[in-house]
């Protein structure tokens, strides 16, 4: 059984088990020296970046499910291509199959696509800072409000200002 690294919609356990019923999730994994982006077709992809990391879910992909996953990733139409890359897991590094979009041109995500990816990342237990990074790809997303530190000002204006009449 090959290992498969899912970094977008296939992190969703329920959706993936419908597409690939014989495959099983193994847990979180990291793809080093890559970054997540949305390609011109509106779907997620990866690009090399020596300072970044992409989190995802490692799947034990059943051979019987490979054809279904290839169809879902539109391999025949050229939307995605397959590659093998080393990923880091809790037990250690492993070689995993992953799908990368042929288009390297950045684009805008399809409607409701990134919202589902962010939910799947949370369900998979990926780190909060990475989930926030994924959230930046959600169209019209409101950034989380910055926390204001509770400190006393160096000086303050008196609550009541007395005014003296002019003579």
Protein backbone atom coordinates (compact mmCIF):
# COMPACT_ATOMS: atom_id res chain seq x y z
CA UNK A 1 0.00 0.00 0.00
CA UNK A 2 1.48 3.35 -0.97
CA UNK A 3 1.44 6.31 1.39
CA UNK A 4 -0.42 9.42 0.24
CA UNK A 5 0.09 12.96 1.61
CA UNK A 6 -3.15 14.99 1.52
CA UNK A 7 -2.75 18.74 2.06
CA UNK A 8 -6.13 20.18 1.00
CA UNK A 9 -9.64 18.74 0.46
CA UNK A 10 -8.45 15.14 0.92
CA UNK A 11 -7.59 15.91 4.54
CA UNK A 12 -11.35 15.58 5.12
CA UNK A 13 -11.64 12.08 6.56
CA UNK A 14 -15.32 11.55 5.65
CA UNK A 15 -14.98 12.75 2.05
CA UNK A 16 -11.80 10.76 1.54
CA UNK A 17 -13.37 7.56 2.91
CA UNK A 18 -16.22 7.96 0.40
CA UNK A 19 -13.73 8.32 -2.46
CA UNK A 20 -11.25 5.74 -1.17
CA UNK A 21 -13.11 3.35 1.15
CA UNK A 22 -10.21 0.91 1.61
CA UNK A 23 -7.66 3.58 2.64
CA UNK A 24 -6.93 4.66 6.22
CA UNK A 25 -5.56 7.90 7.71
CA UNK A 26 -2.28 7.53 9.61
CA UNK A 27 -2.08 11.02 11.11
CA UNK A 28 -0.46 14.42 10.60
CA UNK A 29 2.65 14.82 8.46
CA UNK A 30 4.81 17.70 7.20
CA UNK A 31 6.23 18.38 3.77
CA UNK A 32 9.34 20.48 4.29
CA UNK A 33 10.65 23.17 1.91
CA UNK A 34 7.28 23.73 0.21
CA UNK A 35 4.44 26.22 0.51
CA UNK A 36 0.70 25.98 -0.02
CA UNK A 37 -0.97 28.14 -2.68
CA UNK A 38 -4.12 28.28 -4.81
CA UNK A 39 -3.48 27.76 -8.52
CA UNK A 40 -5.29 29.51 -11.38
CA UNK A 41 -7.79 26.63 -11.57
CA UNK A 42 -9.01 27.47 -8.05
CA UNK A 43 -7.59 24.44 -6.24
CA UNK A 44 -4.69 23.92 -3.85
CA UNK A 45 -1.18 23.13 -4.94
CA UNK A 46 2.39 23.22 -3.69
CA UNK A 47 5.47 25.17 -4.68
CA UNK A 48 9.05 24.80 -3.53
CA UNK A 49 10.07 27.27 -0.84
CA UNK A 50 13.14 26.54 1.28
CA UNK A 51 11.78 28.41 4.32
CA UNK A 52 8.26 27.02 4.50
CA UNK A 53 6.42 23.86 5.49
CA UNK A 54 3.09 22.34 4.45
CA UNK A 55 1.11 20.29 6.94
CA UNK A 56 -1.30 17.57 5.90
CA UNK A 57 -2.63 14.10 6.61
CA UNK A 58 -0.75 10.94 5.67
CA UNK A 59 -2.99 8.18 4.30
CA UNK A 60 -2.29 4.48 3.84
CA UNK A 61 -3.69 4.37 0.32
CA UNK A 62 -5.08 1.02 -0.81
CA UNK A 63 -4.05 -0.02 -4.31
CA UNK A 64 -7.74 -0.50 -5.11
CA UNK A 65 -8.33 3.21 -4.37
CA UNK A 66 -5.53 4.67 -6.51
CA UNK A 67 -7.64 4.84 -9.69
CA UNK A 68 -10.49 6.61 -7.86
CA UNK A 69 -8.09 9.17 -6.40
CA UNK A 70 -6.51 9.74 -9.83
CA UNK A 71 -9.99 10.45 -11.23
CA UNK A 72 -10.83 12.82 -8.35
CA UNK A 73 -7.58 14.73 -8.89
CA UNK A 74 -8.28 14.94 -12.66
CA UNK A 75 -4.99 13.33 -13.54
CA UNK A 76 -6.22 12.41 -17.06
CA UNK A 77 -7.18 16.02 -17.88
CA UNK A 78 -3.85 17.39 -16.68
CA UNK A 79 -5.13 19.35 -13.70
CA UNK A 80 -2.73 17.54 -11.35
CA UNK A 81 0.38 15.41 -11.71
CA UNK A 82 1.71 12.78 -9.29
CA UNK A 83 5.04 12.98 -7.51
CA UNK A 84 6.79 11.25 -4.63
CA UNK A 85 8.28 13.35 -1.82
CA UNK A 86 9.63 12.64 1.65
CA UNK A 87 7.33 13.77 4.46
CA UNK A 88 8.01 13.92 8.19
CA UNK A 89 5.77 11.96 10.54
CA UNK A 90 5.93 11.31 14.29
CA UNK A 91 7.75 7.96 13.79
CA UNK A 92 10.14 9.46 11.22
CA UNK A 93 10.48 10.38 7.53
CA UNK A 94 8.47 8.47 4.91
CA UNK A 95 8.15 8.69 1.11
CA UNK A 96 4.64 9.60 0.07
CA UNK A 97 2.66 10.14 -3.09
CA UNK A 98 1.19 13.59 -3.58
CA UNK A 99 -0.62 15.48 -6.30
CA UNK A 100 0.66 18.86 -7.52
CA UNK A 101 -1.21 21.14 -9.92
CA UNK A 102 0.42 21.61 -13.29
CA UNK A 103 -0.43 25.32 -13.18
CA UNK A 104 1.97 27.41 -11.14
CA UNK A 105 0.01 30.62 -11.72
CA UNK A 106 -1.65 31.83 -8.48
CA UNK A 107 -5.41 32.17 -8.48
CA UNK A 108 -8.55 32.52 -6.37
CA UNK A 109 -10.09 29.48 -4.65
CA UNK A 110 -13.39 27.99 -5.80
CA UNK A 111 -16.46 28.87 -3.72
CA UNK A 112 -16.44 27.18 -0.28
CA UNK A 113 -13.25 25.26 -1.12
CA UNK A 114 -10.90 26.82 1.41
CA UNK A 115 -13.53 26.87 4.15
CA UNK A 116 -13.73 23.07 3.85
CA UNK A 117 -9.92 22.77 3.83
CA UNK A 118 -9.62 24.82 7.04
CA UNK A 119 -12.27 22.66 8.76
CA UNK A 120 -10.50 19.49 7.62
CA UNK A 121 -7.18 20.82 8.95
CA UNK A 122 -8.79 21.49 12.34
CA UNK A 123 -10.39 18.03 12.40
CA UNK A 124 -6.99 16.49 11.58
CA UNK A 125 -5.41 18.28 14.53
CA UNK A 126 -2.96 20.36 12.51
CA UNK A 127 -1.19 23.20 14.38
CA UNK A 128 -3.23 26.34 15.04
CA UNK A 129 -0.71 28.67 13.39
CA UNK A 130 -0.85 26.60 10.20
CA UNK A 131 -4.66 26.63 10.25
CA UNK A 132 -4.53 30.43 10.54
CA UNK A 133 -2.20 30.51 7.54
CA UNK A 134 -4.70 28.40 5.56
CA UNK A 135 -7.43 30.80 6.69
CA UNK A 136 -5.71 33.63 4.84
CA UNK A 137 -6.74 31.92 1.57
CA UNK A 138 -10.45 32.09 2.47
CA UNK A 139 -12.00 34.84 0.31
CA UNK A 140 -13.26 37.84 2.32
CA UNK A 141 -12.02 36.31 5.57
CA UNK A 142 -12.00 38.64 8.52
CA UNK A 143 -8.63 38.55 10.29
CA UNK A 144 -8.70 37.58 13.93
CA UNK A 145 -8.70 40.68 16.11
CA UNK A 146 -5.33 41.49 17.60
CA UNK A 147 -5.20 41.22 21.34
CA UNK A 148 -4.67 44.55 23.04
CA UNK A 149 -2.33 44.28 26.02
CA UNK A 150 -3.84 45.44 29.28
CA UNK A 151 -1.35 48.00 30.51
CA UNK A 152 -1.87 51.23 32.36
CA UNK A 153 -0.93 54.33 30.35
CA UNK A 154 2.01 56.39 31.51
CA UNK A 155 -0.32 59.32 32.13
CA UNK A 156 -4.04 59.76 31.97
CA UNK A 157 -6.44 62.62 31.48
CA UNK A 158 -8.45 63.47 34.58
CA UNK A 159 -12.04 62.30 34.42
CA UNK A 160 -13.34 65.84 35.03
CA UNK A 161 -11.63 68.86 33.57
CA UNK A 162 -12.34 72.04 35.49
CA UNK A 163 -12.62 75.18 33.49
CA UNK A 164 -12.13 78.50 35.14
CA UNK A 165 -14.08 81.48 33.87
CA UNK A 166 -12.08 84.09 31.96
CA UNK A 167 -11.83 87.52 33.42
